[in-house]
Amino acid sequence: MPLKTQAAPPDAGPTADDATSARRDQILDAALALMEEHGYRDTTMLQIATRARASKNTLYQHFPTKQALFAALVARAAAAMNADIVAALDGNAPLEPTLCRFGTHLLTLLTGAQSLAINRAAIAEARFAPELAQALAANGRENTAPLVQRYFARQIAAGRMRAVDGADAIESFIGLLIGDLQVRLLWGIAQPPDQAAIRRRAQRAAERFVVLFGA
């Protein structure tokens, strides 16, 4: 007697959690766009609710304060960056091509409109709302540095890199990669590089880093 096969359950479609996450992202996108246009201080929660086509009640359910909304923006950007960084630093691949991939991801993020808007807000409010800079530091460099340090430790163990302090090595690579470009972008006196320029800059930084720190 042939066995009856059970039909696969139908796709349940989007869940309530999916809708909540999508609504949250819409609010964050609206907040980011307004910050780019007006700056952090001159962006109000009412403006954000209006741009996101959300009620004030919905907005405050997701983000009870503007500071909480800013922290969420930072965390979202950091999560996307760290996913790229983990992929770029995966395994024990050779130093130069790995640092070139990592540098490309990092520079793309740091020179993008989202990052510049977030950094400008943290700088502008450093005196009155230091928690913005603290959120940026906690979700940015302090979150990323351990990933890079672990990669450097593997490179040293594999004999591809001289034994150096991981924090110093990171600072050196960041300096080679970014120089004063981010500062000039924050001042508004430079144009963001395109992807070809970013790749060239990342390749140059990786080559120079290997000269300095390669085994």
N, C-alpha and C. Protein backbone atom coordinates (compact mmCIF):
# COMPACT_ATOMS: atom_id res chain seq x y z
N MET A 1 0.86 -1.20 0.00
CA MET A 1 0.00 0.00 0.00
C MET A 1 0.88 1.23 0.00
N PRO A 2 0.74 2.10 -0.94
CA PRO A 2 1.63 3.25 -1.03
C PRO A 2 1.42 4.18 0.16
N LEU A 3 2.54 4.72 0.63
CA LEU A 3 2.49 5.67 1.73
C LEU A 3 1.98 7.00 1.23
N LYS A 4 1.15 7.62 2.06
CA LYS A 4 0.67 8.96 1.72
C LYS A 4 1.71 9.99 2.13
N THR A 5 1.98 10.90 1.27
CA THR A 5 2.93 11.97 1.59
C THR A 5 2.16 13.19 2.04
N GLN A 6 2.69 13.82 3.08
CA GLN A 6 2.06 15.03 3.58
C GLN A 6 2.47 16.23 2.73
N ALA A 7 1.52 17.02 2.39
CA ALA A 7 1.83 18.23 1.64
C ALA A 7 2.56 19.20 2.54
N ALA A 8 3.49 19.95 1.95
CA ALA A 8 4.23 20.96 2.73
C ALA A 8 3.26 22.03 3.20
N PRO A 9 3.43 22.47 4.44
CA PRO A 9 2.54 23.51 4.93
C PRO A 9 2.66 24.76 4.09
N PRO A 10 1.56 25.44 3.89
CA PRO A 10 1.63 26.66 3.06
C PRO A 10 2.48 27.72 3.75
N ASP A 11 3.08 28.55 2.92
CA ASP A 11 3.88 29.66 3.45
C ASP A 11 2.98 30.60 4.24
N ALA A 12 3.39 30.82 5.48
CA ALA A 12 2.55 31.65 6.35
C ALA A 12 2.59 33.12 5.96
N GLY A 13 3.58 33.50 5.14
CA GLY A 13 3.69 34.90 4.75
C GLY A 13 4.32 35.73 5.85
N PRO A 14 4.34 37.03 5.66
CA PRO A 14 4.98 37.91 6.64
C PRO A 14 4.33 37.79 8.02
N THR A 15 5.15 37.81 9.05
CA THR A 15 4.66 37.72 10.42
C THR A 15 4.52 39.11 11.02
N ALA A 16 3.93 39.15 12.22
CA ALA A 16 3.79 40.42 12.93
C ALA A 16 5.17 41.01 13.23
N ASP A 17 6.12 40.11 13.55
CA ASP A 17 7.48 40.58 13.83
C ASP A 17 8.10 41.22 12.59
N ASP A 18 7.84 40.63 11.42
CA ASP A 18 8.35 41.21 10.17
C ASP A 18 7.78 42.61 9.96
N ALA A 19 6.50 42.75 10.21
CA ALA A 19 5.87 44.05 10.02
C ALA A 19 6.42 45.08 11.01
N THR A 20 6.64 44.65 12.24
CA THR A 20 7.20 45.55 13.25
C THR A 20 8.60 45.99 12.87
N SER A 21 9.41 45.02 12.40
CA SER A 21 10.78 45.34 11.99
C SER A 21 10.79 46.29 10.80
N ALA A 22 9.89 46.05 9.85
CA ALA A 22 9.82 46.91 8.67
C ALA A 22 9.39 48.33 9.07
N ARG A 23 8.42 48.43 9.99
CA ARG A 23 7.97 49.75 10.44
C ARG A 23 9.09 50.48 11.15
N ARG A 24 9.84 49.74 11.96
CA ARG A 24 10.97 50.33 12.68
C ARG A 24 12.00 50.88 11.70
N ASP A 25 12.29 50.11 10.65
CA ASP A 25 13.26 50.56 9.65
C ASP A 25 12.75 51.79 8.90
N GLN A 26 11.44 51.85 8.63
CA GLN A 26 10.89 53.03 7.97
C GLN A 26 11.09 54.28 8.83
N ILE A 27 10.90 54.14 10.13
CA ILE A 27 11.10 55.27 11.03
C ILE A 27 12.56 55.68 11.05
N LEU A 28 13.45 54.71 11.13
CA LEU A 28 14.88 55.01 11.14
C LEU A 28 15.32 55.66 9.83
N ASP A 29 14.79 55.17 8.72
CA ASP A 29 15.13 55.78 7.42
C ASP A 29 14.67 57.24 7.37
N ALA A 30 13.47 57.49 7.89
CA ALA A 30 12.95 58.86 7.91
C ALA A 30 13.81 59.75 8.79
N ALA A 31 14.20 59.24 9.95
CA ALA A 31 15.04 60.02 10.87
C ALA A 31 16.38 60.34 10.24
N LEU A 32 16.97 59.35 9.58
CA LEU A 32 18.27 59.56 8.95
C LEU A 32 18.18 60.61 7.85
N ALA A 33 17.14 60.54 7.03
CA ALA A 33 16.98 61.51 5.95
C ALA A 33 16.82 62.93 6.52
N LEU A 34 16.06 63.07 7.59
CA LEU A 34 15.87 64.39 8.20
C LEU A 34 17.16 64.90 8.84
N MET A 35 17.93 64.00 9.45
CA MET A 35 19.21 64.40 10.04
C MET A 35 20.16 64.88 8.96
N GLU A 36 20.15 64.23 7.81
CA GLU A 36 21.02 64.66 6.71
C GLU A 36 20.60 66.05 6.23
N GLU A 37 19.31 66.34 6.26
CA GLU A 37 18.80 67.62 5.77
C GLU A 37 18.97 68.75 6.79
N HIS A 38 18.69 68.45 8.06
CA HIS A 38 18.58 69.51 9.05
C HIS A 38 19.55 69.40 10.23
N GLY A 39 20.24 68.27 10.34
CA GLY A 39 21.06 68.05 11.52
C GLY A 39 20.25 67.43 12.65
N TYR A 40 20.96 66.92 13.65
CA TYR A 40 20.29 66.21 14.75
C TYR A 40 19.43 67.15 15.58
N ARG A 41 19.99 68.29 15.99
CA ARG A 41 19.28 69.17 16.91
C ARG A 41 17.99 69.71 16.32
N ASP A 42 18.00 70.03 15.02
CA ASP A 42 16.83 70.64 14.38
C ASP A 42 15.86 69.62 13.81
N THR A 43 16.11 68.34 14.07
CA THR A 43 15.17 67.30 13.67
C THR A 43 14.32 66.94 14.89
N THR A 44 13.01 67.05 14.76
CA THR A 44 12.12 66.77 15.88
C THR A 44 11.45 65.40 15.70
N MET A 45 10.97 64.88 16.81
CA MET A 45 10.26 63.61 16.76
C MET A 45 8.98 63.75 15.93
N LEU A 46 8.34 64.91 15.98
CA LEU A 46 7.13 65.12 15.18
C LEU A 46 7.46 65.08 13.69
N GLN A 47 8.58 65.71 13.31
CA GLN A 47 8.99 65.66 11.91
C GLN A 47 9.25 64.22 11.47
N ILE A 48 9.88 63.45 12.36
CA ILE A 48 10.19 62.06 12.02
C ILE A 48 8.90 61.27 11.84
N ALA A 49 7.95 61.45 12.75
CA ALA A 49 6.67 60.74 12.64
C ALA A 49 5.96 61.11 11.35
N THR A 50 5.98 62.39 11.01
CA THR A 50 5.32 62.85 9.78
C THR A 50 5.99 62.26 8.55
N ARG A 51 7.33 62.31 8.50
CA ARG A 51 8.05 61.77 7.34
C ARG A 51 7.83 60.26 7.21
N ALA A 52 7.76 59.56 8.33
CA ALA A 52 7.57 58.10 8.30
C ALA A 52 6.10 57.71 8.17
N ARG A 53 5.21 58.71 8.16
CA ARG A 53 3.76 58.47 8.11
C ARG A 53 3.35 57.54 9.26
N ALA A 54 3.84 57.88 10.43
CA ALA A 54 3.53 57.11 11.64
C ALA A 54 2.89 58.05 12.66
N SER A 55 2.04 57.50 13.50
CA SER A 55 1.50 58.30 14.59
C SER A 55 2.59 58.53 15.63
N LYS A 56 2.42 59.57 16.43
CA LYS A 56 3.39 59.81 17.50
C LYS A 56 3.40 58.64 18.47
N ASN A 57 2.24 58.02 18.69
CA ASN A 57 2.16 56.87 19.58
C ASN A 57 3.02 55.72 19.06
N THR A 58 2.92 55.46 17.75
CA THR A 58 3.73 54.40 17.14
C THR A 58 5.22 54.72 17.24
N LEU A 59 5.56 55.97 16.98
CA LEU A 59 6.96 56.38 17.06
C LEU A 59 7.52 56.15 18.46
N TYR A 60 6.78 56.59 19.47
CA TYR A 60 7.29 56.48 20.83
C TYR A 60 7.24 55.05 21.36
N GLN A 61 6.41 54.21 20.77
CA GLN A 61 6.45 52.79 21.13
C GLN A 61 7.78 52.17 20.72
N HIS A 62 8.28 52.58 19.56
CA HIS A 62 9.56 52.06 19.08
C HIS A 62 10.74 52.77 19.74
N PHE A 63 10.64 54.09 19.87
CA PHE A 63 11.76 54.90 20.35
C PHE A 63 11.24 55.93 21.36
N PRO A 64 11.40 55.69 22.65
CA PRO A 64 10.84 56.61 23.65
C PRO A 64 11.49 57.99 23.66
N THR A 65 12.71 58.10 23.15
CA THR A 65 13.40 59.39 23.10
C THR A 65 14.15 59.51 21.79
N LYS A 66 14.53 60.75 21.46
CA LYS A 66 15.33 60.96 20.25
C LYS A 66 16.71 60.33 20.41
N GLN A 67 17.24 60.34 21.63
CA GLN A 67 18.53 59.71 21.87
C GLN A 67 18.47 58.20 21.61
N ALA A 68 17.36 57.58 22.02
CA ALA A 68 17.19 56.14 21.78
C ALA A 68 17.10 55.85 20.29
N LEU A 69 16.45 56.74 19.55
CA LEU A 69 16.36 56.58 18.11
C LEU A 69 17.74 56.70 17.47
N PHE A 70 18.53 57.68 17.93
CA PHE A 70 19.89 57.84 17.40
C PHE A 70 20.72 56.59 17.68
N ALA A 71 20.63 56.07 18.91
CA ALA A 71 21.39 54.86 19.25
C ALA A 71 20.99 53.70 18.35
N ALA A 72 19.71 53.60 18.02
CA ALA A 72 19.26 52.54 17.12
C ALA A 72 19.82 52.72 15.72
N LEU A 73 19.90 53.96 15.26
CA LEU A 73 20.52 54.23 13.96
C LEU A 73 21.97 53.76 13.94
N VAL A 74 22.70 54.08 15.00
CA VAL A 74 24.09 53.68 15.10
C VAL A 74 24.21 52.16 15.12
N ALA A 75 23.38 51.51 15.93
CA ALA A 75 23.44 50.05 16.05
C ALA A 75 23.12 49.37 14.73
N ARG A 76 22.16 49.91 13.97
CA ARG A 76 21.80 49.32 12.68
C ARG A 76 22.95 49.44 11.69
N ALA A 77 23.58 50.60 11.65
CA ALA A 77 24.72 50.79 10.75
C ALA A 77 25.88 49.87 11.15
N ALA A 78 26.12 49.74 12.45
CA ALA A 78 27.22 48.90 12.93
C ALA A 78 26.97 47.43 12.62
N ALA A 79 25.73 46.98 12.75
CA ALA A 79 25.41 45.59 12.46
C ALA A 79 25.68 45.25 11.01
N ALA A 80 25.30 46.15 10.11
CA ALA A 80 25.56 45.92 8.68
C ALA A 80 27.05 45.90 8.41
N MET A 81 27.79 46.83 9.04
CA MET A 81 29.23 46.89 8.82
C MET A 81 29.92 45.65 9.36
N ASN A 82 29.54 45.21 10.56
CA ASN A 82 30.22 44.06 11.15
C ASN A 82 29.97 42.79 10.37
N ALA A 83 28.80 42.66 9.76
CA ALA A 83 28.55 41.49 8.92
C ALA A 83 29.53 41.46 7.75
N ASP A 84 29.77 42.61 7.13
CA ASP A 84 30.73 42.68 6.03
C ASP A 84 32.15 42.43 6.53
N ILE A 85 32.47 42.98 7.70
CA ILE A 85 33.83 42.83 8.24
C ILE A 85 34.12 41.39 8.61
N VAL A 86 33.15 40.72 9.25
CA VAL A 86 33.34 39.31 9.60
C VAL A 86 33.62 38.49 8.35
N ALA A 87 32.86 38.76 7.28
CA ALA A 87 33.07 38.03 6.03
C ALA A 87 34.45 38.35 5.44
N ALA A 88 34.85 39.61 5.50
CA ALA A 88 36.14 40.02 4.92
C ALA A 88 37.31 39.43 5.68
N LEU A 89 37.17 39.27 7.00
CA LEU A 89 38.28 38.80 7.84
C LEU A 89 38.17 37.32 8.15
N ASP A 90 37.31 36.61 7.48
CA ASP A 90 37.08 35.21 7.78
C ASP A 90 38.31 34.37 7.43
N GLY A 91 38.58 33.39 8.28
CA GLY A 91 39.64 32.43 7.99
C GLY A 91 41.03 33.01 8.13
N ASN A 92 41.98 32.40 7.45
CA ASN A 92 43.39 32.79 7.53
C ASN A 92 43.93 33.20 6.17
N ALA A 93 43.12 33.87 5.39
CA ALA A 93 43.54 34.30 4.07
C ALA A 93 44.72 35.27 4.19
N PRO A 94 45.56 35.37 3.14
CA PRO A 94 46.73 36.25 3.18
C PRO A 94 46.38 37.69 3.55
N LEU A 95 47.36 38.38 4.08
CA LEU A 95 47.17 39.70 4.67
C LEU A 95 46.69 40.74 3.65
N GLU A 96 47.41 40.90 2.54
CA GLU A 96 47.11 42.03 1.65
C GLU A 96 45.71 41.98 1.05
N PRO A 97 45.30 40.86 0.40
CA PRO A 97 43.95 40.88 -0.19
C PRO A 97 42.84 40.98 0.87
N THR A 98 43.10 40.40 2.05
CA THR A 98 42.09 40.47 3.11
C THR A 98 41.93 41.90 3.60
N LEU A 99 43.05 42.59 3.83
CA LEU A 99 42.97 43.97 4.28
C LEU A 99 42.39 44.88 3.20
N CYS A 100 42.61 44.55 1.96
CA CYS A 100 42.02 45.32 0.87
C CYS A 100 40.50 45.18 0.91
N ARG A 101 39.98 43.96 1.10
CA ARG A 101 38.53 43.77 1.20
C ARG A 101 37.97 44.48 2.43
N PHE A 102 38.65 44.29 3.56
CA PHE A 102 38.21 44.94 4.80
C PHE A 102 38.20 46.46 4.64
N GLY A 103 39.28 47.00 4.09
CA GLY A 103 39.39 48.44 3.91
C GLY A 103 38.32 48.98 2.98
N THR A 104 37.98 48.23 1.95
CA THR A 104 36.94 48.65 1.02
C THR A 104 35.60 48.75 1.73
N HIS A 105 35.26 47.72 2.53
CA HIS A 105 34.01 47.75 3.29
C HIS A 105 33.98 48.92 4.27
N LEU A 106 35.08 49.08 5.02
CA LEU A 106 35.12 50.11 6.06
C LEU A 106 35.04 51.51 5.45
N LEU A 107 35.80 51.75 4.40
CA LEU A 107 35.82 53.07 3.79
C LEU A 107 34.49 53.39 3.11
N THR A 108 33.85 52.39 2.53
CA THR A 108 32.52 52.59 1.95
C THR A 108 31.55 53.06 3.01
N LEU A 109 31.61 52.42 4.17
CA LEU A 109 30.73 52.81 5.26
C LEU A 109 31.04 54.22 5.76
N LEU A 110 32.32 54.49 6.06
CA LEU A 110 32.68 55.74 6.72
C LEU A 110 32.50 56.96 5.83
N THR A 111 32.53 56.77 4.53
CA THR A 111 32.37 57.91 3.62
C THR A 111 30.95 58.02 3.07
N GLY A 112 30.05 57.13 3.52
CA GLY A 112 28.67 57.16 3.06
C GLY A 112 27.84 58.22 3.77
N ALA A 113 26.73 58.59 3.17
CA ALA A 113 25.88 59.66 3.73
C ALA A 113 25.37 59.31 5.11
N GLN A 114 25.03 58.03 5.34
CA GLN A 114 24.52 57.62 6.65
C GLN A 114 25.54 57.85 7.74
N SER A 115 26.76 57.38 7.50
CA SER A 115 27.82 57.52 8.51
C SER A 115 28.15 58.99 8.75
N LEU A 116 28.21 59.78 7.70
CA LEU A 116 28.54 61.19 7.87
C LEU A 116 27.46 61.91 8.67
N ALA A 117 26.20 61.61 8.41
CA ALA A 117 25.11 62.24 9.17
C ALA A 117 25.18 61.86 10.64
N ILE A 118 25.45 60.59 10.93
CA ILE A 118 25.53 60.12 12.31
C ILE A 118 26.72 60.75 13.02
N ASN A 119 27.86 60.81 12.36
CA ASN A 119 29.05 61.40 12.96
C ASN A 119 28.88 62.89 13.20
N ARG A 120 28.29 63.58 12.26
CA ARG A 120 28.06 65.01 12.44
C ARG A 120 27.15 65.27 13.64
N ALA A 121 26.13 64.42 13.80
CA ALA A 121 25.23 64.58 14.94
C ALA A 121 25.96 64.37 16.26
N ALA A 122 26.79 63.33 16.32
CA ALA A 122 27.53 63.05 17.55
C ALA A 122 28.50 64.17 17.89
N ILE A 123 29.15 64.73 16.87
CA ILE A 123 30.10 65.83 17.09
C ILE A 123 29.36 67.09 17.53
N ALA A 124 28.27 67.41 16.84
CA ALA A 124 27.53 68.63 17.14
C ALA A 124 26.95 68.62 18.54
N GLU A 125 26.58 67.43 19.03
CA GLU A 125 25.92 67.33 20.33
C GLU A 125 26.86 66.81 21.42
N ALA A 126 28.16 66.77 21.15
CA ALA A 126 29.10 66.18 22.11
C ALA A 126 29.04 66.85 23.48
N ARG A 127 28.82 68.16 23.49
CA ARG A 127 28.79 68.89 24.77
C ARG A 127 27.47 68.69 25.51
N PHE A 128 26.36 68.66 24.76
CA PHE A 128 25.04 68.65 25.40
C PHE A 128 24.46 67.24 25.52
N ALA A 129 24.86 66.34 24.65
CA ALA A 129 24.35 64.97 24.68
C ALA A 129 25.49 64.00 24.43
N PRO A 130 26.42 63.86 25.38
CA PRO A 130 27.58 63.00 25.18
C PRO A 130 27.22 61.53 24.95
N GLU A 131 25.99 61.16 25.32
CA GLU A 131 25.58 59.77 25.12
C GLU A 131 25.53 59.41 23.64
N LEU A 132 25.38 60.41 22.75
CA LEU A 132 25.38 60.11 21.32
C LEU A 132 26.76 59.63 20.87
N ALA A 133 27.80 60.35 21.31
CA ALA A 133 29.16 59.93 20.97
C ALA A 133 29.49 58.60 21.62
N GLN A 134 28.99 58.39 22.84
CA GLN A 134 29.24 57.12 23.52
C GLN A 134 28.60 55.96 22.76
N ALA A 135 27.39 56.16 22.26
CA ALA A 135 26.73 55.12 21.47
C ALA A 135 27.49 54.85 20.18
N LEU A 136 28.01 55.91 19.57
CA LEU A 136 28.77 55.76 18.33
C LEU A 136 30.06 54.98 18.59
N ALA A 137 30.75 55.31 19.69
CA ALA A 137 32.00 54.61 20.01
C ALA A 137 31.74 53.14 20.35
N ALA A 138 30.71 52.89 21.15
CA ALA A 138 30.43 51.52 21.58
C ALA A 138 30.04 50.62 20.42
N ASN A 139 29.29 51.17 19.47
CA ASN A 139 28.84 50.36 18.33
C ASN A 139 29.77 50.43 17.15
N GLY A 140 30.74 51.35 17.19
CA GLY A 140 31.67 51.51 16.09
C GLY A 140 33.00 50.85 16.36
N ARG A 141 34.01 51.67 16.63
CA ARG A 141 35.36 51.16 16.79
C ARG A 141 35.48 50.10 17.89
N GLU A 142 34.82 50.34 19.03
CA GLU A 142 34.94 49.39 20.14
C GLU A 142 34.31 48.04 19.81
N ASN A 143 33.39 48.04 18.85
CA ASN A 143 32.75 46.81 18.43
C ASN A 143 33.54 46.10 17.33
N THR A 144 34.20 46.90 16.50
CA THR A 144 34.91 46.36 15.34
C THR A 144 36.35 45.95 15.66
N ALA A 145 37.01 46.71 16.53
CA ALA A 145 38.43 46.46 16.80
C ALA A 145 38.73 45.02 17.22
N PRO A 146 37.93 44.41 18.11
CA PRO A 146 38.24 43.02 18.48
C PRO A 146 38.22 42.05 17.30
N LEU A 147 37.34 42.30 16.32
CA LEU A 147 37.29 41.43 15.15
C LEU A 147 38.61 41.50 14.38
N VAL A 148 39.13 42.72 14.23
CA VAL A 148 40.37 42.90 13.49
C VAL A 148 41.55 42.37 14.29
N GLN A 149 41.54 42.57 15.59
CA GLN A 149 42.63 42.08 16.43
C GLN A 149 42.73 40.56 16.38
N ARG A 150 41.58 39.89 16.36
CA ARG A 150 41.61 38.41 16.27
C ARG A 150 42.20 37.97 14.93
N TYR A 151 41.87 38.70 13.87
CA TYR A 151 42.45 38.36 12.57
C TYR A 151 43.96 38.56 12.59
N PHE A 152 44.42 39.67 13.14
CA PHE A 152 45.86 39.92 13.22
C PHE A 152 46.55 38.84 14.05
N ALA A 153 45.92 38.40 15.13
CA ALA A 153 46.51 37.34 15.96
C ALA A 153 46.69 36.06 15.15
N ARG A 154 45.72 35.74 14.30
CA ARG A 154 45.84 34.55 13.45
C ARG A 154 46.96 34.72 12.44
N GLN A 155 47.11 35.93 11.90
CA GLN A 155 48.18 36.19 10.94
C GLN A 155 49.56 36.08 11.59
N ILE A 156 49.67 36.57 12.81
CA ILE A 156 50.94 36.46 13.53
C ILE A 156 51.25 35.00 13.80
N ALA A 157 50.24 34.25 14.23
CA ALA A 157 50.45 32.82 14.51
C ALA A 157 50.83 32.05 13.25
N ALA A 158 50.33 32.49 12.09
CA ALA A 158 50.63 31.82 10.82
C ALA A 158 51.97 32.26 10.24
N GLY A 159 52.61 33.24 10.89
CA GLY A 159 53.90 33.71 10.41
C GLY A 159 53.82 34.68 9.26
N ARG A 160 52.65 35.25 9.00
CA ARG A 160 52.49 36.20 7.90
C ARG A 160 52.66 37.65 8.35
N MET A 161 52.74 37.83 9.67
CA MET A 161 52.77 39.19 10.20
C MET A 161 53.70 39.22 11.42
N ARG A 162 54.44 40.31 11.56
CA ARG A 162 55.32 40.44 12.71
C ARG A 162 54.50 40.54 13.99
N ALA A 163 55.10 40.14 15.09
CA ALA A 163 54.43 40.23 16.39
C ALA A 163 54.37 41.70 16.81
N VAL A 164 53.18 42.27 16.73
CA VAL A 164 52.99 43.67 17.10
C VAL A 164 51.73 43.78 17.95
N ASP A 165 51.61 44.89 18.65
CA ASP A 165 50.40 45.14 19.42
C ASP A 165 49.23 45.33 18.47
N GLY A 166 48.14 44.58 18.71
CA GLY A 166 47.00 44.62 17.81
C GLY A 166 46.36 45.99 17.70
N ALA A 167 46.26 46.70 18.83
CA ALA A 167 45.65 48.03 18.81
C ALA A 167 46.49 49.00 17.98
N ASP A 168 47.81 48.92 18.12
CA ASP A 168 48.68 49.79 17.32
C ASP A 168 48.57 49.47 15.83
N ALA A 169 48.46 48.17 15.53
CA ALA A 169 48.35 47.77 14.12
C ALA A 169 47.05 48.29 13.51
N ILE A 170 45.96 48.21 14.27
CA ILE A 170 44.68 48.72 13.77
C ILE A 170 44.76 50.22 13.52
N GLU A 171 45.32 50.94 14.48
CA GLU A 171 45.44 52.39 14.33
C GLU A 171 46.27 52.75 13.10
N SER A 172 47.32 51.98 12.87
CA SER A 172 48.17 52.24 11.70
C SER A 172 47.40 52.01 10.41
N PHE A 173 46.65 50.90 10.34
CA PHE A 173 45.92 50.62 9.11
C PHE A 173 44.83 51.66 8.87
N ILE A 174 44.12 52.05 9.93
CA ILE A 174 43.07 53.07 9.77
C ILE A 174 43.68 54.37 9.27
N GLY A 175 44.85 54.73 9.81
CA GLY A 175 45.52 55.94 9.35
C GLY A 175 45.91 55.86 7.89
N LEU A 176 46.45 54.71 7.48
CA LEU A 176 46.82 54.53 6.08
C LEU A 176 45.60 54.57 5.16
N LEU A 177 44.49 54.03 5.65
CA LEU A 177 43.28 53.92 4.83
C LEU A 177 42.55 55.26 4.71
N ILE A 178 42.36 55.94 5.82
CA ILE A 178 41.46 57.09 5.85
C ILE A 178 42.20 58.42 5.80
N GLY A 179 43.34 58.51 6.49
CA GLY A 179 44.05 59.78 6.54
C GLY A 179 43.13 60.86 7.08
N ASP A 180 43.08 62.00 6.39
CA ASP A 180 42.18 63.07 6.82
C ASP A 180 40.92 63.15 5.96
N LEU A 181 40.67 62.10 5.17
CA LEU A 181 39.52 62.13 4.26
C LEU A 181 38.20 62.28 5.02
N GLN A 182 38.00 61.49 6.08
CA GLN A 182 36.73 61.57 6.79
C GLN A 182 36.51 62.96 7.41
N VAL A 183 37.58 63.54 7.95
CA VAL A 183 37.47 64.88 8.53
C VAL A 183 37.05 65.88 7.46
N ARG A 184 37.67 65.82 6.28
CA ARG A 184 37.33 66.76 5.22
C ARG A 184 35.89 66.55 4.72
N LEU A 185 35.44 65.30 4.73
CA LEU A 185 34.05 65.02 4.37
C LEU A 185 33.10 65.60 5.41
N LEU A 186 33.44 65.44 6.68
CA LEU A 186 32.60 65.98 7.75
C LEU A 186 32.54 67.50 7.69
N TRP A 187 33.62 68.12 7.27
CA TRP A 187 33.64 69.58 7.12
C TRP A 187 32.90 70.03 5.86
N GLY A 188 32.64 69.11 4.96
CA GLY A 188 31.96 69.46 3.72
C GLY A 188 32.86 70.08 2.68
N ILE A 189 34.17 69.83 2.77
CA ILE A 189 35.09 70.43 1.81
C ILE A 189 35.69 69.38 0.86
N ALA A 190 35.15 68.17 0.89
CA ALA A 190 35.59 67.12 -0.03
C ALA A 190 34.37 66.36 -0.52
N GLN A 191 34.51 65.72 -1.66
CA GLN A 191 33.43 64.90 -2.22
C GLN A 191 33.67 63.44 -1.87
N PRO A 192 32.62 62.70 -1.52
CA PRO A 192 32.80 61.29 -1.22
C PRO A 192 33.41 60.55 -2.42
N PRO A 193 34.36 59.65 -2.18
CA PRO A 193 34.96 58.91 -3.29
C PRO A 193 33.98 57.90 -3.88
N ASP A 194 34.14 57.61 -5.17
CA ASP A 194 33.33 56.55 -5.75
C ASP A 194 33.97 55.19 -5.44
N GLN A 195 33.32 54.11 -5.86
CA GLN A 195 33.80 52.79 -5.49
C GLN A 195 35.18 52.48 -6.05
N ALA A 196 35.48 52.97 -7.25
CA ALA A 196 36.80 52.74 -7.83
C ALA A 196 37.88 53.41 -6.99
N ALA A 197 37.61 54.65 -6.56
CA ALA A 197 38.58 55.37 -5.72
C ALA A 197 38.73 54.71 -4.36
N ILE A 198 37.62 54.20 -3.82
CA ILE A 198 37.68 53.50 -2.54
C ILE A 198 38.54 52.25 -2.65
N ARG A 199 38.36 51.48 -3.71
CA ARG A 199 39.15 50.26 -3.89
C ARG A 199 40.63 50.59 -4.05
N ARG A 200 40.95 51.64 -4.80
CA ARG A 200 42.35 52.03 -4.97
C ARG A 200 42.96 52.43 -3.63
N ARG A 201 42.22 53.19 -2.87
CA ARG A 201 42.72 53.63 -1.57
C ARG A 201 42.93 52.44 -0.63
N ALA A 202 41.98 51.50 -0.64
CA ALA A 202 42.09 50.31 0.21
C ALA A 202 43.29 49.45 -0.22
N GLN A 203 43.49 49.31 -1.52
CA GLN A 203 44.61 48.52 -2.01
C GLN A 203 45.94 49.16 -1.61
N ARG A 204 46.03 50.47 -1.75
CA ARG A 204 47.25 51.18 -1.37
C ARG A 204 47.53 51.04 0.13
N ALA A 205 46.49 51.16 0.95
CA ALA A 205 46.67 51.02 2.39
C ALA A 205 47.12 49.61 2.75
N ALA A 206 46.53 48.60 2.10
CA ALA A 206 46.91 47.21 2.38
C ALA A 206 48.36 46.95 1.99
N GLU A 207 48.78 47.46 0.85
CA GLU A 207 50.16 47.26 0.40
C GLU A 207 51.14 47.91 1.38
N ARG A 208 50.84 49.12 1.82
CA ARG A 208 51.73 49.81 2.74
C ARG A 208 51.75 49.15 4.11
N PHE A 209 50.61 48.62 4.53
CA PHE A 209 50.56 47.93 5.81
C PHE A 209 51.44 46.68 5.79
N VAL A 210 51.40 45.95 4.69
CA VAL A 210 52.22 44.73 4.57
C VAL A 210 53.71 45.09 4.61
N VAL A 211 54.09 46.18 3.99
CA VAL A 211 55.49 46.62 4.06
C VAL A 211 55.90 46.90 5.49
N LEU A 212 55.00 47.52 6.25
CA LEU A 212 55.30 47.90 7.62
C LEU A 212 55.27 46.73 8.59
N PHE A 213 54.28 45.84 8.42
CA PHE A 213 54.01 44.83 9.44
C PHE A 213 54.11 43.38 8.96
N GLY A 214 54.28 43.19 7.66
CA GLY A 214 54.37 41.82 7.16
C GLY A 214 55.62 41.12 7.65
N ALA A 215 55.54 39.81 7.76
CA ALA A 215 56.69 39.02 8.27
C ALA A 215 57.76 38.94 7.19
